[in-house]
């Protein structure tokens, strides 16, 4: 496993990290990992077919037909 050293953090930021870790009942190091994972995790991609199938049926093809607009003069 890789290690990451973060330097030059303010005392206030470290204190906030430790307080947050206590609220979540974990170590500051584990809290730091959780924050990084949440910030950098990409949502799982769904196949296009699945997304399209999840769309509600909202009408017929005619509802979305393009009609020629006559010019206004």
PDB file of N, CA and C in Angstrom:
ATOM      1  N   UNK A   1       0.839  -1.191   0.000  1.00  0.00           N
ATOM      2  CA  UNK A   1       0.000   0.000   0.000  1.00  0.00           C
ATOM      3  C   UNK A   1       0.878   1.247   0.000  1.00  0.00           C
ATOM      4  N   UNK A   2       0.442   2.212  -0.740  1.00  0.00           N
ATOM      5  CA  UNK A   2       1.168   3.478  -0.804  1.00  0.00           C
ATOM      6  C   UNK A   2       0.877   4.306   0.438  1.00  0.00           C
ATOM      7  N   UNK A   3       1.791   5.199   0.741  1.00  0.00           N
ATOM      8  CA  UNK A   3       1.603   6.117   1.855  1.00  0.00           C
ATOM      9  C   UNK A   3       1.607   7.534   1.318  1.00  0.00           C
ATOM     10  N   UNK A   4       0.909   8.386   2.023  1.00  0.00           N
ATOM     11  CA  UNK A   4       0.805   9.781   1.616  1.00  0.00           C
ATOM     12  C   UNK A   4       1.099  10.657   2.824  1.00  0.00           C
ATOM     13  N   UNK A   5       2.028  11.561   2.677  1.00  0.00           N
ATOM     14  CA  UNK A   5       2.354  12.500   3.753  1.00  0.00           C
ATOM     15  C   UNK A   5       1.852  13.872   3.320  1.00  0.00           C
ATOM     16  N   UNK A   6       1.066  14.491   4.171  1.00  0.00           N
ATOM     17  CA  UNK A   6       0.539  15.824   3.875  1.00  0.00           C
ATOM     18  C   UNK A   6       1.185  16.799   4.849  1.00  0.00           C
ATOM     19  N   UNK A   7       1.912  17.740   4.318  1.00  0.00           N
ATOM     20  CA  UNK A   7       2.641  18.696   5.161  1.00  0.00           C
ATOM     21  C   UNK A   7       1.944  20.049   5.157  1.00  0.00           C
ATOM     22  N   UNK A   8       2.346  20.864   6.105  1.00  0.00           N
ATOM     23  CA  UNK A   8       1.928  22.265   6.201  1.00  0.00           C
ATOM     24  C   UNK A   8       0.423  22.440   6.380  1.00  0.00           C
ATOM     25  N   UNK A   9      -0.178  21.593   7.193  1.00  0.00           N
ATOM     26  CA  UNK A   9      -1.589  21.757   7.537  1.00  0.00           C
ATOM     27  C   UNK A   9      -1.696  22.642   8.768  1.00  0.00           C
ATOM     28  N   UNK A  10      -2.700  23.467   8.783  1.00  0.00           N
ATOM     29  CA  UNK A  10      -2.884  24.330   9.954  1.00  0.00           C
ATOM     30  C   UNK A  10      -3.345  23.490  11.136  1.00  0.00           C
ATOM     31  N   UNK A  11      -3.045  23.973  12.321  1.00  0.00           N
ATOM     32  CA  UNK A  11      -3.486  23.280  13.538  1.00  0.00           C
ATOM     33  C   UNK A  11      -5.009  23.171  13.564  1.00  0.00           C
ATOM     34  N   UNK A  12      -5.680  24.196  13.077  1.00  0.00           N
ATOM     35  CA  UNK A  12      -7.148  24.210  13.048  1.00  0.00           C
ATOM     36  C   UNK A  12      -7.695  23.090  12.165  1.00  0.00           C
ATOM     37  N   UNK A  13      -7.065  22.877  11.014  1.00  0.00           N
ATOM     38  CA  UNK A  13      -7.509  21.830  10.105  1.00  0.00           C
ATOM     39  C   UNK A  13      -7.288  20.439  10.712  1.00  0.00           C
ATOM     40  N   UNK A  14      -6.156  20.244  11.335  1.00  0.00           N
ATOM     41  CA  UNK A  14      -5.870  18.958  11.985  1.00  0.00           C
ATOM     42  C   UNK A  14      -6.853  18.717  13.122  1.00  0.00           C
ATOM     43  N   UNK A  15      -7.143  19.752  13.881  1.00  0.00           N
ATOM     44  CA  UNK A  15      -8.105  19.637  14.983  1.00  0.00           C
ATOM     45  C   UNK A  15      -9.498  19.268  14.439  1.00  0.00           C
ATOM     46  N   UNK A  16      -9.897  19.887  13.339  1.00  0.00           N
ATOM     47  CA  UNK A  16     -11.197  19.585  12.729  1.00  0.00           C
ATOM     48  C   UNK A  16     -11.236  18.139  12.230  1.00  0.00           C
ATOM     49  N   UNK A  17     -10.138  17.652  11.649  1.00  0.00           N
ATOM     50  CA  UNK A  17     -10.068  16.270  11.188  1.00  0.00           C
ATOM     51  C   UNK A  17     -10.216  15.308  12.364  1.00  0.00           C
ATOM     52  N   UNK A  18      -9.524  15.606  13.457  1.00  0.00           N
ATOM     53  CA  UNK A  18      -9.599  14.733  14.637  1.00  0.00           C
ATOM     54  C   UNK A  18     -10.997  14.737  15.253  1.00  0.00           C
ATOM     55  N   UNK A  19     -11.645  15.885  15.299  1.00  0.00           N
ATOM     56  CA  UNK A  19     -13.006  15.954  15.829  1.00  0.00           C
ATOM     57  C   UNK A  19     -13.979  15.173  14.947  1.00  0.00           C
ATOM     58  N   UNK A  20     -13.809  15.303  13.656  1.00  0.00           N
ATOM     59  CA  UNK A  20     -14.667  14.563  12.726  1.00  0.00           C
ATOM     60  C   UNK A  20     -14.447  13.054  12.881  1.00  0.00           C
ATOM     61  N   UNK A  21     -13.197  12.665  13.066  1.00  0.00           N
ATOM     62  CA  UNK A  21     -12.879  11.247  13.265  1.00  0.00           C
ATOM     63  C   UNK A  21     -13.546  10.720  14.530  1.00  0.00           C
ATOM     64  N   UNK A  22     -13.525  11.491  15.589  1.00  0.00           N
ATOM     65  CA  UNK A  22     -14.169  11.078  16.843  1.00  0.00           C
ATOM     66  C   UNK A  22     -15.668  10.915  16.626  1.00  0.00           C
ATOM     67  N   UNK A  23     -16.287  11.852  15.911  1.00  0.00           N
ATOM     68  CA  UNK A  23     -17.728  11.751  15.644  1.00  0.00           C
ATOM     69  C   UNK A  23     -18.081  10.490  14.868  1.00  0.00           C
ATOM     70  N   UNK A  24     -17.161  10.038  14.009  1.00  0.00           N
ATOM     71  CA  UNK A  24     -17.400   8.841  13.213  1.00  0.00           C
ATOM     72  C   UNK A  24     -16.786   7.587  13.843  1.00  0.00           C
ATOM     73  N   UNK A  25     -16.265   7.744  15.035  1.00  0.00           N
ATOM     74  CA  UNK A  25     -15.697   6.629  15.793  1.00  0.00           C
ATOM     75  C   UNK A  25     -14.574   5.913  15.035  1.00  0.00           C
ATOM     76  N   UNK A  26     -13.651   6.692  14.510  1.00  0.00           N
ATOM     77  CA  UNK A  26     -12.491   6.112  13.825  1.00  0.00           C
ATOM     78  C   UNK A  26     -11.268   6.990  14.045  1.00  0.00           C
ATOM     79  N   UNK A  27     -10.126   6.489  13.657  1.00  0.00           N
ATOM     80  CA  UNK A  27      -8.880   7.243  13.817  1.00  0.00           C
ATOM     81  C   UNK A  27      -8.832   8.397  12.818  1.00  0.00           C
ATOM     82  N   UNK A  28      -7.963   9.363  13.108  1.00  0.00           N
ATOM     83  CA  UNK A  28      -7.790  10.485  12.187  1.00  0.00           C
ATOM     84  C   UNK A  28      -7.262   9.979  10.847  1.00  0.00           C
ATOM     85  N   UNK A  29      -6.400   8.978  10.881  1.00  0.00           N
ATOM     86  CA  UNK A  29      -5.859   8.418   9.642  1.00  0.00           C
ATOM     87  C   UNK A  29      -6.963   7.764   8.811  1.00  0.00           C
ATOM     88  N   UNK A  30      -7.837   7.001   9.479  1.00  0.00           N
ATOM     89  CA  UNK A  30      -8.951   6.374   8.755  1.00  0.00           C
ATOM     90  C   UNK A  30      -9.920   7.427   8.230  1.00  0.00           C
ATOM     91  N   UNK A  31     -10.143   8.458   9.016  1.00  0.00           N
ATOM     92  CA  UNK A  31     -11.032   9.545   8.575  1.00  0.00           C
ATOM     93  C   UNK A  31     -10.458  10.217   7.333  1.00  0.00           C
ATOM     94  N   UNK A  32      -9.154  10.425   7.334  1.00  0.00           N
ATOM     95  CA  UNK A  32      -8.476  11.030   6.189  1.00  0.00           C
ATOM     96  C   UNK A  32      -8.665  10.143   4.951  1.00  0.00           C
ATOM     97  N   UNK A  33      -8.517   8.825   5.103  1.00  0.00           N
ATOM     98  CA  UNK A  33      -8.736   7.907   3.984  1.00  0.00           C
ATOM     99  C   UNK A  33     -10.168   7.998   3.468  1.00  0.00           C
ATOM    100  N   UNK A  34     -11.125   8.030   4.400  1.00  0.00           N
ATOM    101  CA  UNK A  34     -12.538   8.093   4.008  1.00  0.00           C
ATOM    102  C   UNK A  34     -12.843   9.374   3.242  1.00  0.00           C
ATOM    103  N   UNK A  35     -12.286  10.483   3.693  1.00  0.00           N
ATOM    104  CA  UNK A  35     -12.501  11.775   3.017  1.00  0.00           C
ATOM    105  C   UNK A  35     -11.926  11.726   1.601  1.00  0.00           C
ATOM    106  N   UNK A  36     -10.716  11.199   1.468  1.00  0.00           N
ATOM    107  CA  UNK A  36     -10.098  11.101   0.140  1.00  0.00           C
ATOM    108  C   UNK A  36     -10.899  10.181  -0.776  1.00  0.00           C
ATOM    109  N   UNK A  37     -11.333   9.045  -0.251  1.00  0.00           N
ATOM    110  CA  UNK A  37     -12.119   8.118  -1.073  1.00  0.00           C
ATOM    111  C   UNK A  37     -13.427   8.750  -1.520  1.00  0.00           C
ATOM    112  N   UNK A  38     -14.116   9.431  -0.616  1.00  0.00           N
ATOM    113  CA  UNK A  38     -15.395  10.060  -0.966  1.00  0.00           C
ATOM    114  C   UNK A  38     -15.202  11.155  -2.013  1.00  0.00           C
ATOM    115  N   UNK A  39     -14.116  11.896  -1.899  1.00  0.00           N
ATOM    116  CA  UNK A  39     -13.876  13.006  -2.825  1.00  0.00           C
ATOM    117  C   UNK A  39     -13.443  12.525  -4.204  1.00  0.00           C
ATOM    118  N   UNK A  40     -12.741  11.403  -4.257  1.00  0.00           N
ATOM    119  CA  UNK A  40     -12.146  10.982  -5.523  1.00  0.00           C
ATOM    120  C   UNK A  40     -12.844   9.803  -6.180  1.00  0.00           C
ATOM    121  N   UNK A  41     -13.748   9.175  -5.477  1.00  0.00           N
ATOM    122  CA  UNK A  41     -14.462   8.020  -6.026  1.00  0.00           C
ATOM    123  C   UNK A  41     -15.391   8.492  -7.136  1.00  0.00           C
ATOM    124  N   UNK A  42     -15.340   7.825  -8.269  1.00  0.00           N
ATOM    125  CA  UNK A  42     -16.244   8.181  -9.358  1.00  0.00           C
ATOM    126  C   UNK A  42     -17.473   7.291  -9.263  1.00  0.00           C
ATOM    127  N   UNK A  43     -18.621   7.839  -9.557  1.00  0.00           N
ATOM    128  CA  UNK A  43     -19.827   7.010  -9.493  1.00  0.00           C
ATOM    129  C   UNK A  43     -19.764   5.911 -10.552  1.00  0.00           C
ATOM    130  N   UNK A  44     -20.322   4.755 -10.256  1.00  0.00           N
ATOM    131  CA  UNK A  44     -20.291   3.680 -11.252  1.00  0.00           C
ATOM    132  C   UNK A  44     -21.081   4.079 -12.494  1.00  0.00           C
ATOM    133  N   UNK A  45     -20.532   3.752 -13.646  1.00  0.00           N
ATOM    134  CA  UNK A  45     -21.205   4.098 -14.905  1.00  0.00           C
ATOM    135  C   UNK A  45     -22.219   3.032 -15.246  1.00  0.00           C
ATOM    136  N   UNK A  46     -23.381   3.474 -15.682  1.00  0.00           N
ATOM    137  CA  UNK A  46     -24.435   2.552 -16.096  1.00  0.00           C
ATOM    138  C   UNK A  46     -24.440   2.481 -17.613  1.00  0.00           C
ATOM    139  N   UNK A  47     -24.700   1.310 -18.151  1.00  0.00           N
ATOM    140  CA  UNK A  47     -24.792   1.196 -19.616  1.00  0.00           C
ATOM    141  C   UNK A  47     -25.925   2.082 -20.148  1.00  0.00           C
ATOM    142  N   UNK A  48     -25.735   2.613 -21.344  1.00  0.00           N
ATOM    143  CA  UNK A  48     -26.738   3.487 -21.946  1.00  0.00           C
ATOM    144  C   UNK A  48     -28.087   2.793 -22.042  1.00  0.00           C
ATOM    145  N   UNK A  49     -28.096   1.527 -22.412  1.00  0.00           N
ATOM    146  CA  UNK A  49     -29.360   0.795 -22.532  1.00  0.00           C
ATOM    147  C   UNK A  49     -30.115   0.789 -21.206  1.00  0.00           C
ATOM    148  N   UNK A  50     -29.399   0.635 -20.110  1.00  0.00           N
ATOM    149  CA  UNK A  50     -30.048   0.632 -18.785  1.00  0.00           C
ATOM    150  C   UNK A  50     -30.648   1.997 -18.467  1.00  0.00           C
ATOM    151  N   UNK A  51     -29.923   3.054 -18.795  1.00  0.00           N
ATOM    152  CA  UNK A  51     -30.423   4.414 -18.563  1.00  0.00           C
ATOM    153  C   UNK A  51     -31.675   4.668 -19.393  1.00  0.00           C
ATOM    154  N   UNK A  52     -31.640   4.276 -20.660  1.00  0.00           N
ATOM    155  CA  UNK A  52     -32.791   4.493 -21.540  1.00  0.00           C
ATOM    156  C   UNK A  52     -34.008   3.696 -21.081  1.00  0.00           C
ATOM    157  N   UNK A  53     -33.786   2.470 -20.642  1.00  0.00           N
ATOM    158  CA  UNK A  53     -34.901   1.653 -20.175  1.00  0.00           C
ATOM    159  C   UNK A  53     -35.512   2.201 -18.885  1.00  0.00           C
ATOM    160  N   UNK A  54     -34.729   2.940 -18.114  1.00  0.00           N
ATOM    161  CA  UNK A  54     -35.223   3.504 -16.858  1.00  0.00           C
ATOM    162  C   UNK A  54     -36.047   4.778 -17.076  1.00  0.00           C
ATOM    163  N   UNK A  55     -36.003   5.326 -18.286  1.00  0.00           N
ATOM    164  CA  UNK A  55     -36.745   6.552 -18.570  1.00  0.00           C
ATOM    165  C   UNK A  55     -38.236   6.243 -18.651  1.00  0.00           C
ATOM    166  N   UNK A  56     -39.072   7.109 -18.092  1.00  0.00           N
ATOM    167  CA  UNK A  56     -40.519   6.854 -18.131  1.00  0.00           C
ATOM    168  C   UNK A  56     -41.078   7.034 -19.542  1.00  0.00           C
ATOM    169  N   UNK A  57     -42.156   6.348 -19.813  1.00  0.00           N
ATOM    170  CA  UNK A  57     -42.850   6.486 -21.090  1.00  0.00           C
ATOM    171  C   UNK A  57     -43.722   7.734 -20.988  1.00  0.00           C
ATOM    172  N   UNK A  58     -43.338   8.786 -21.686  1.00  0.00           N
ATOM    173  CA  UNK A  58     -44.032  10.065 -21.531  1.00  0.00           C
ATOM    174  C   UNK A  58     -44.815  10.493 -22.761  1.00  0.00           C
ATOM    175  N   UNK A  59     -44.967   9.631 -23.712  1.00  0.00           N
ATOM    176  CA  UNK A  59     -45.749  10.019 -24.880  1.00  0.00           C
ATOM    177  C   UNK A  59     -45.410   9.161 -26.073  1.00  0.00           C
ATOM    178  N   UNK A  60     -45.884   9.616 -27.213  1.00  0.00           N
ATOM    179  CA  UNK A  60     -45.636   8.899 -28.458  1.00  0.00           C
ATOM    180  C   UNK A  60     -44.611   9.664 -29.274  1.00  0.00           C
ATOM    181  N   UNK A  61     -44.121   9.025 -30.321  1.00  0.00           N
ATOM    182  CA  UNK A  61     -43.142   9.690 -31.179  1.00  0.00           C
ATOM    183  C   UNK A  61     -43.709  10.979 -31.776  1.00  0.00           C
ATOM    184  N   UNK A  62     -45.007  10.991 -32.052  1.00  0.00           N
ATOM    185  CA  UNK A  62     -45.629  12.171 -32.641  1.00  0.00           C
ATOM    186  C   UNK A  62     -45.555  13.384 -31.696  1.00  0.00           C
ATOM    187  N   UNK A  63     -45.537  13.114 -30.407  1.00  0.00           N
ATOM    188  CA  UNK A  63     -45.435  14.214 -29.437  1.00  0.00           C
ATOM    189  C   UNK A  63     -44.128  14.976 -29.586  1.00  0.00           C
ATOM    190  N   UNK A  64     -43.133  14.332 -30.142  1.00  0.00           N
ATOM    191  CA  UNK A  64     -41.812  14.947 -30.255  1.00  0.00           C
ATOM    192  C   UNK A  64     -41.443  15.296 -31.687  1.00  0.00           C
ATOM    193  N   UNK A  65     -42.398  15.227 -32.577  1.00  0.00           N
ATOM    194  CA  UNK A  65     -42.144  15.518 -33.982  1.00  0.00           C
ATOM    195  C   UNK A  65     -41.825  17.003 -34.154  1.00  0.00           C
ATOM    196  N   UNK A  66     -40.935  17.288 -35.055  1.00  0.00           N
ATOM    197  CA  UNK A  66     -40.574  18.680 -35.338  1.00  0.00           C
ATOM    198  C   UNK A  66     -41.483  19.187 -36.429  1.00  0.00           C
ATOM    199  N   UNK A  67     -42.041  20.349 -36.226  1.00  0.00           N
ATOM    200  CA  UNK A  67     -42.956  20.934 -37.203  1.00  0.00           C
ATOM    201  C   UNK A  67     -42.285  22.141 -37.824  1.00  0.00           C
ATOM    202  N   UNK A  68     -42.498  22.295 -39.117  1.00  0.00           N
ATOM    203  CA  UNK A  68     -41.919  23.410 -39.826  1.00  0.00           C
ATOM    204  C   UNK A  68     -42.623  24.702 -39.383  1.00  0.00           C
ATOM    205  N   UNK A  69     -41.849  25.695 -39.038  1.00  0.00           N
ATOM    206  CA  UNK A  69     -42.392  26.976 -38.594  1.00  0.00           C
ATOM    207  C   UNK A  69     -42.443  27.915 -39.771  1.00  0.00           C
ATOM    208  N   UNK A  70     -43.586  28.531 -39.972  1.00  0.00           N
ATOM    209  CA  UNK A  70     -43.690  29.503 -41.070  1.00  0.00           C
ATOM    210  C   UNK A  70     -43.100  30.814 -40.593  1.00  0.00           C
ATOM    211  N   UNK A  71     -42.496  31.525 -41.506  1.00  0.00           N
ATOM    212  CA  UNK A  71     -41.846  32.777 -41.124  1.00  0.00           C
ATOM    213  C   UNK A  71     -42.874  33.850 -40.809  1.00  0.00           C
ATOM    214  N   UNK A  72     -42.516  34.694 -39.889  1.00  0.00           N
ATOM    215  CA  UNK A  72     -43.398  35.805 -39.501  1.00  0.00           C
ATOM    216  C   UNK A  72     -42.950  37.056 -40.232  1.00  0.00           C
ATOM    217  N   UNK A  73     -43.852  37.669 -40.947  1.00  0.00           N
ATOM    218  CA  UNK A  73     -43.497  38.916 -41.642  1.00  0.00           C
ATOM    219  C   UNK A  73     -44.551  39.946 -41.465  1.00  0.00           C
TER     220      UNK A  73
END
